[in-house]
């Protein structure tokens, strides 16, 4: 999974946990305006709330599809009404930005947030956000190849060691214990028995 997605997932978790944190009035009072401003800058710099951009459009599209299926004769009115109401609700995105900022402010100091915003607003930080997923994909591929090679070599080396141990443990067959083949001279040099006699 990609670095960018990990950062975004972290922000989702933090934003969700912020709801619980806000139930404590002491927490709200502890966050200064400067701290909150730094948190907003960090949230913006890392695009923490970007994964939520499609929530309202998707909800609107799903509702429109559902209502048109039930009332096909009202398709035009349904589409117009949903668009109007969705646009009116779009301003509530600011609430999410505030929640995200408070969540980050709870975890990071004002200085840390300023550092985060500064880095991710820099060319290097922007490149990390943009190229991080591709780099992570390449890293995962390389790790898969490395893991497969490691597992193969481990299995081969262990197999060789176990085979050598099993060979060393096997008892050697004594040379004189083998019976002579039919018609072959016995080991003491006497003539072989004649099988044709009764």
C-alpha atoms as a PDB file:
ATOM      1  CA  UNK A   1       0.000   0.000   0.000  1.00  0.00           C
ATOM      2  CA  UNK A   2       1.172   3.345  -0.921  1.00  0.00           C
ATOM      3  CA  UNK A   3       2.757   5.998   1.270  1.00  0.00           C
ATOM      4  CA  UNK A   4       0.186   8.532   0.132  1.00  0.00           C
ATOM      5  CA  UNK A   5      -2.643   6.172   1.009  1.00  0.00           C
ATOM      6  CA  UNK A   6      -1.059   5.390   4.384  1.00  0.00           C
ATOM      7  CA  UNK A   7      -0.895   9.065   5.237  1.00  0.00           C
ATOM      8  CA  UNK A   8      -4.490   9.463   4.158  1.00  0.00           C
ATOM      9  CA  UNK A   9      -5.612   6.400   6.126  1.00  0.00           C
ATOM     10  CA  UNK A  10      -3.867   7.776   9.183  1.00  0.00           C
ATOM     11  CA  UNK A  11      -5.759  11.005   8.743  1.00  0.00           C
ATOM     12  CA  UNK A  12      -9.038   9.096   8.513  1.00  0.00           C
ATOM     13  CA  UNK A  13      -8.309   7.313  11.777  1.00  0.00           C
ATOM     14  CA  UNK A  14      -7.253  10.516  13.442  1.00  0.00           C
ATOM     15  CA  UNK A  15     -10.303  12.355  12.167  1.00  0.00           C
ATOM     16  CA  UNK A  16     -12.568   9.608  13.502  1.00  0.00           C
ATOM     17  CA  UNK A  17     -10.863   9.612  16.879  1.00  0.00           C
ATOM     18  CA  UNK A  18     -11.191  13.369  17.044  1.00  0.00           C
ATOM     19  CA  UNK A  19     -14.945  13.044  17.462  1.00  0.00           C
ATOM     20  CA  UNK A  20     -14.365  11.360  20.804  1.00  0.00           C
ATOM     21  CA  UNK A  21     -11.710  13.847  21.805  1.00  0.00           C
ATOM     22  CA  UNK A  22     -14.043  16.789  21.228  1.00  0.00           C
ATOM     23  CA  UNK A  23     -16.445  15.503  23.846  1.00  0.00           C
ATOM     24  CA  UNK A  24     -13.920  16.756  26.394  1.00  0.00           C
ATOM     25  CA  UNK A  25     -14.203  20.526  26.820  1.00  0.00           C
ATOM     26  CA  UNK A  26     -10.666  20.660  28.237  1.00  0.00           C
ATOM     27  CA  UNK A  27      -9.247  19.450  24.925  1.00  0.00           C
ATOM     28  CA  UNK A  28     -10.962  22.188  22.927  1.00  0.00           C
ATOM     29  CA  UNK A  29      -9.657  24.800  25.312  1.00  0.00           C
ATOM     30  CA  UNK A  30      -6.085  23.455  25.132  1.00  0.00           C
ATOM     31  CA  UNK A  31      -5.799  23.992  21.372  1.00  0.00           C
ATOM     32  CA  UNK A  32      -4.684  27.537  20.647  1.00  0.00           C
ATOM     33  CA  UNK A  33      -5.681  29.336  17.492  1.00  0.00           C
ATOM     34  CA  UNK A  34      -2.037  29.213  16.301  1.00  0.00           C
ATOM     35  CA  UNK A  35      -1.933  25.452  16.931  1.00  0.00           C
ATOM     36  CA  UNK A  36      -5.167  24.978  14.994  1.00  0.00           C
ATOM     37  CA  UNK A  37      -3.868  27.150  12.159  1.00  0.00           C
ATOM     38  CA  UNK A  38      -0.719  25.000  11.954  1.00  0.00           C
ATOM     39  CA  UNK A  39      -2.887  21.863  11.929  1.00  0.00           C
ATOM     40  CA  UNK A  40      -5.016  23.231   9.082  1.00  0.00           C
ATOM     41  CA  UNK A  41      -1.872  24.013   7.096  1.00  0.00           C
ATOM     42  CA  UNK A  42      -0.559  20.476   7.657  1.00  0.00           C
ATOM     43  CA  UNK A  43      -3.905  18.908   6.704  1.00  0.00           C
ATOM     44  CA  UNK A  44      -3.927  20.957   3.504  1.00  0.00           C
ATOM     45  CA  UNK A  45      -0.277  20.187   2.700  1.00  0.00           C
ATOM     46  CA  UNK A  46      -0.688  16.417   3.016  1.00  0.00           C
ATOM     47  CA  UNK A  47      -4.132  16.403   1.389  1.00  0.00           C
ATOM     48  CA  UNK A  48      -5.457  14.539   4.422  1.00  0.00           C
ATOM     49  CA  UNK A  49      -9.115  15.025   3.582  1.00  0.00           C
ATOM     50  CA  UNK A  50      -8.839  14.434  -0.184  1.00  0.00           C
ATOM     51  CA  UNK A  51     -10.047  10.814   0.102  1.00  0.00           C
ATOM     52  CA  UNK A  52     -13.413  12.182   1.221  1.00  0.00           C
ATOM     53  CA  UNK A  53     -13.935  14.360  -1.860  1.00  0.00           C
ATOM     54  CA  UNK A  54     -16.205  11.819  -3.512  1.00  0.00           C
ATOM     55  CA  UNK A  55     -18.452  11.072  -0.553  1.00  0.00           C
ATOM     56  CA  UNK A  56     -21.150  13.644  -1.351  1.00  0.00           C
ATOM     57  CA  UNK A  57     -21.131  13.083  -5.139  1.00  0.00           C
ATOM     58  CA  UNK A  58     -21.307   9.319  -4.634  1.00  0.00           C
ATOM     59  CA  UNK A  59     -24.143   9.627  -2.142  1.00  0.00           C
ATOM     60  CA  UNK A  60     -25.995  11.925  -4.541  1.00  0.00           C
ATOM     61  CA  UNK A  61     -25.478   9.566  -7.486  1.00  0.00           C
ATOM     62  CA  UNK A  62     -26.616   6.546  -5.466  1.00  0.00           C
ATOM     63  CA  UNK A  63     -29.715   8.354  -4.226  1.00  0.00           C
ATOM     64  CA  UNK A  64     -30.535   9.604  -7.722  1.00  0.00           C
ATOM     65  CA  UNK A  65     -30.250   6.107  -9.168  1.00  0.00           C
ATOM     66  CA  UNK A  66     -32.401   4.653  -6.403  1.00  0.00           C
ATOM     67  CA  UNK A  67     -35.133   7.289  -6.702  1.00  0.00           C
ATOM     68  CA  UNK A  68     -35.249   7.193 -10.508  1.00  0.00           C
ATOM     69  CA  UNK A  69     -35.602   3.417 -10.393  1.00  0.00           C
ATOM     70  CA  UNK A  70     -38.638   3.803  -8.133  1.00  0.00           C
ATOM     71  CA  UNK A  71     -40.041   6.846  -9.942  1.00  0.00           C
ATOM     72  CA  UNK A  72     -38.825   6.874 -13.561  1.00  0.00           C
ATOM     73  CA  UNK A  73     -41.457   9.445 -14.521  1.00  0.00           C
ATOM     74  CA  UNK A  74     -39.848  11.985 -12.132  1.00  0.00           C
ATOM     75  CA  UNK A  75     -36.272  11.608 -13.418  1.00  0.00           C
ATOM     76  CA  UNK A  76     -35.768  15.270 -14.333  1.00  0.00           C
ATOM     77  CA  UNK A  77     -37.134  16.589 -11.021  1.00  0.00           C
ATOM     78  CA  UNK A  78     -35.123  14.041  -9.031  1.00  0.00           C
ATOM     79  CA  UNK A  79     -31.848  14.971 -10.772  1.00  0.00           C
ATOM     80  CA  UNK A  80     -32.497  18.724 -10.375  1.00  0.00           C
ATOM     81  CA  UNK A  81     -33.473  18.411  -6.711  1.00  0.00           C
ATOM     82  CA  UNK A  82     -30.523  16.193  -5.791  1.00  0.00           C
ATOM     83  CA  UNK A  83     -28.067  18.555  -7.501  1.00  0.00           C
ATOM     84  CA  UNK A  84     -29.483  21.568  -5.658  1.00  0.00           C
ATOM     85  CA  UNK A  85     -29.502  19.874  -2.274  1.00  0.00           C
ATOM     86  CA  UNK A  86     -26.030  18.381  -2.754  1.00  0.00           C
ATOM     87  CA  UNK A  87     -24.611  21.794  -3.659  1.00  0.00           C
ATOM     88  CA  UNK A  88     -26.202  23.255  -0.537  1.00  0.00           C
ATOM     89  CA  UNK A  89     -24.587  20.542   1.586  1.00  0.00           C
ATOM     90  CA  UNK A  90     -21.144  21.023   0.020  1.00  0.00           C
ATOM     91  CA  UNK A  91     -20.401  23.887   2.428  1.00  0.00           C
ATOM     92  CA  UNK A  92     -20.364  21.355   5.253  1.00  0.00           C
ATOM     93  CA  UNK A  93     -16.974  20.195   3.964  1.00  0.00           C
ATOM     94  CA  UNK A  94     -15.515  22.912   6.215  1.00  0.00           C
ATOM     95  CA  UNK A  95     -16.725  20.887   9.219  1.00  0.00           C
ATOM     96  CA  UNK A  96     -14.585  17.961   8.095  1.00  0.00           C
ATOM     97  CA  UNK A  97     -11.563  20.229   7.628  1.00  0.00           C
ATOM     98  CA  UNK A  98     -12.022  21.523  11.180  1.00  0.00           C
ATOM     99  CA  UNK A  99     -12.371  18.003  12.585  1.00  0.00           C
ATOM    100  CA  UNK A 100      -9.242  16.884  10.746  1.00  0.00           C
ATOM    101  CA  UNK A 101      -7.268  19.886  12.007  1.00  0.00           C
ATOM    102  CA  UNK A 102      -8.341  19.216  15.577  1.00  0.00           C
ATOM    103  CA  UNK A 103      -7.408  15.555  15.225  1.00  0.00           C
ATOM    104  CA  UNK A 104      -3.921  16.463  14.046  1.00  0.00           C
ATOM    105  CA  UNK A 105      -3.582  19.137  16.731  1.00  0.00           C
ATOM    106  CA  UNK A 106      -4.301  16.482  19.349  1.00  0.00           C
ATOM    107  CA  UNK A 107      -1.414  14.306  18.149  1.00  0.00           C
ATOM    108  CA  UNK A 108       1.176  16.798  16.911  1.00  0.00           C
ATOM    109  CA  UNK A 109       2.610  19.906  18.502  1.00  0.00           C
ATOM    110  CA  UNK A 110       2.317  23.255  16.775  1.00  0.00           C
ATOM    111  CA  UNK A 111       5.992  23.087  15.780  1.00  0.00           C
ATOM    112  CA  UNK A 112       5.628  19.568  14.374  1.00  0.00           C
ATOM    113  CA  UNK A 113       2.596  20.643  12.360  1.00  0.00           C
ATOM    114  CA  UNK A 114       4.482  23.628  10.981  1.00  0.00           C
ATOM    115  CA  UNK A 115       7.372  21.309  10.060  1.00  0.00           C
ATOM    116  CA  UNK A 116       4.978  18.900   8.332  1.00  0.00           C
ATOM    117  CA  UNK A 117       3.301  21.719   6.408  1.00  0.00           C
ATOM    118  CA  UNK A 118       6.653  23.196   5.419  1.00  0.00           C
ATOM    119  CA  UNK A 119       8.028  19.905   4.154  1.00  0.00           C
ATOM    120  CA  UNK A 120       4.923  18.775   2.257  1.00  0.00           C
ATOM    121  CA  UNK A 121       4.514  22.227   0.732  1.00  0.00           C
ATOM    122  CA  UNK A 122       8.093  22.065  -0.583  1.00  0.00           C
ATOM    123  CA  UNK A 123       8.961  20.610  -3.975  1.00  0.00           C
ATOM    124  CA  UNK A 124      10.399  17.509  -2.278  1.00  0.00           C
ATOM    125  CA  UNK A 125       7.300  17.012  -0.149  1.00  0.00           C
ATOM    126  CA  UNK A 126       4.971  17.448  -3.118  1.00  0.00           C
ATOM    127  CA  UNK A 127       7.051  14.977  -5.107  1.00  0.00           C
ATOM    128  CA  UNK A 128       6.895  12.488  -2.237  1.00  0.00           C
ATOM    129  CA  UNK A 129       3.096  12.738  -2.173  1.00  0.00           C
ATOM    130  CA  UNK A 130       2.822  12.488  -5.963  1.00  0.00           C
ATOM    131  CA  UNK A 131       5.475   9.838  -6.613  1.00  0.00           C
ATOM    132  CA  UNK A 132       5.282   7.943  -3.329  1.00  0.00           C
ATOM    133  CA  UNK A 133       2.630   5.486  -4.551  1.00  0.00           C
ATOM    134  CA  UNK A 134       4.660   4.537  -7.653  1.00  0.00           C
ATOM    135  CA  UNK A 135       7.822   4.142  -5.583  1.00  0.00           C
ATOM    136  CA  UNK A 136       5.953   2.004  -3.061  1.00  0.00           C
ATOM    137  CA  UNK A 137       4.595  -0.215  -5.863  1.00  0.00           C
ATOM    138  CA  UNK A 138       8.148  -0.740  -7.159  1.00  0.00           C
ATOM    139  CA  UNK A 139       9.360  -1.456  -3.639  1.00  0.00           C
ATOM    140  CA  UNK A 140       6.611  -4.032  -3.098  1.00  0.00           C
ATOM    141  CA  UNK A 141       7.558  -5.766  -6.374  1.00  0.00           C
ATOM    142  CA  UNK A 142      11.238  -5.792  -5.385  1.00  0.00           C
ATOM    143  CA  UNK A 143      10.338  -7.118  -1.925  1.00  0.00           C
ATOM    144  CA  UNK A 144       8.274  -9.937  -3.494  1.00  0.00           C
ATOM    145  CA  UNK A 145      11.206 -10.993  -5.691  1.00  0.00           C
ATOM    146  CA  UNK A 146      13.585 -10.742  -2.727  1.00  0.00           C
ATOM    147  CA  UNK A 147      11.211 -12.758  -0.520  1.00  0.00           C
ATOM    148  CA  UNK A 148      10.795 -15.494  -3.132  1.00  0.00           C
ATOM    149  CA  UNK A 149      14.564 -15.768  -3.599  1.00  0.00           C
ATOM    150  CA  UNK A 150      15.114 -15.882   0.142  1.00  0.00           C
ATOM    151  CA  UNK A 151      12.467 -18.597   0.635  1.00  0.00           C
ATOM    152  CA  UNK A 152      13.882 -20.644  -2.286  1.00  0.00           C
ATOM    153  CA  UNK A 153      17.463 -20.425  -1.029  1.00  0.00           C
ATOM    154  CA  UNK A 154      16.442 -21.195   2.549  1.00  0.00           C
ATOM    155  CA  UNK A 155      14.493 -24.287   1.447  1.00  0.00           C
ATOM    156  CA  UNK A 156      17.369 -25.474  -0.763  1.00  0.00           C
ATOM    157  CA  UNK A 157      20.033 -25.010   1.922  1.00  0.00           C
ATOM    158  CA  UNK A 158      17.940 -26.673   4.628  1.00  0.00           C
ATOM    159  CA  UNK A 159      17.112 -29.542   2.239  1.00  0.00           C
ATOM    160  CA  UNK A 160      20.785 -30.089   1.456  1.00  0.00           C
ATOM    161  CA  UNK A 161      21.712 -30.093   5.161  1.00  0.00           C
ATOM    162  CA  UNK A 162      18.933 -32.550   6.041  1.00  0.00           C
ATOM    163  CA  UNK A 163      19.830 -34.836   3.123  1.00  0.00           C
ATOM    164  CA  UNK A 164      23.484 -34.885   4.200  1.00  0.00           C
ATOM    165  CA  UNK A 165      22.464 -35.653   7.793  1.00  0.00           C
ATOM    166  CA  UNK A 166      20.158 -38.478   6.664  1.00  0.00           C
ATOM    167  CA  UNK A 167      22.915 -39.969   4.475  1.00  0.00           C
ATOM    168  CA  UNK A 168      25.426 -39.867   7.324  1.00  0.00           C
ATOM    169  CA  UNK A 169      22.938 -41.522   9.669  1.00  0.00           C
ATOM    170  CA  UNK A 170      22.084 -44.447   7.321  1.00  0.00           C
ATOM    171  CA  UNK A 171      23.970 -47.693   8.304  1.00  0.00           C
ATOM    172  CA  UNK A 172      26.419 -49.018   5.718  1.00  0.00           C
ATOM    173  CA  UNK A 173      25.632 -52.554   4.431  1.00  0.00           C
ATOM    174  CA  UNK A 174      28.417 -55.081   5.367  1.00  0.00           C
ATOM    175  CA  UNK A 175      30.343 -56.452   2.327  1.00  0.00           C
ATOM    176  CA  UNK A 176      30.284 -60.179   3.394  1.00  0.00           C
ATOM    177  CA  UNK A 177      26.603 -60.198   4.276  1.00  0.00           C
ATOM    178  CA  UNK A 178      25.517 -60.280   0.659  1.00  0.00           C
ATOM    179  CA  UNK A 179      24.616 -63.802  -0.568  1.00  0.00           C
ATOM    180  CA  UNK A 180      26.371 -64.963  -3.759  1.00  0.00           C
ATOM    181  CA  UNK A 181      24.318 -64.820  -6.893  1.00  0.00           C
ATOM    182  CA  UNK A 182      22.991 -68.134  -8.321  1.00  0.00           C
ATOM    183  CA  UNK A 183      25.892 -69.958  -9.964  1.00  0.00           C
ATOM    184  CA  UNK A 184      28.523 -67.632  -8.544  1.00  0.00           C
ATOM    185  CA  UNK A 185      31.399 -69.027  -6.550  1.00  0.00           C
ATOM    186  CA  UNK A 186      31.006 -68.710  -2.783  1.00  0.00           C
ATOM    187  CA  UNK A 187      33.355 -66.401  -0.988  1.00  0.00           C
ATOM    188  CA  UNK A 188      35.315 -69.429   0.477  1.00  0.00           C
ATOM    189  CA  UNK A 189      36.318 -70.623  -3.043  1.00  0.00           C
ATOM    190  CA  UNK A 190      34.299 -73.913  -3.023  1.00  0.00           C
ATOM    191  CA  UNK A 191      32.406 -74.925  -6.126  1.00  0.00           C
ATOM    192  CA  UNK A 192      28.858 -73.746  -6.434  1.00  0.00           C
ATOM    193  CA  UNK A 193      26.077 -76.217  -5.752  1.00  0.00           C
ATOM    194  CA  UNK A 194      24.619 -78.001  -8.772  1.00  0.00           C
ATOM    195  CA  UNK A 195      20.904 -77.165  -8.925  1.00  0.00           C
ATOM    196  CA  UNK A 196      20.291 -79.843 -11.581  1.00  0.00           C
ATOM    197  CA  UNK A 197      20.893 -82.751  -9.178  1.00  0.00           C
ATOM    198  CA  UNK A 198      18.049 -84.136  -7.125  1.00  0.00           C
END
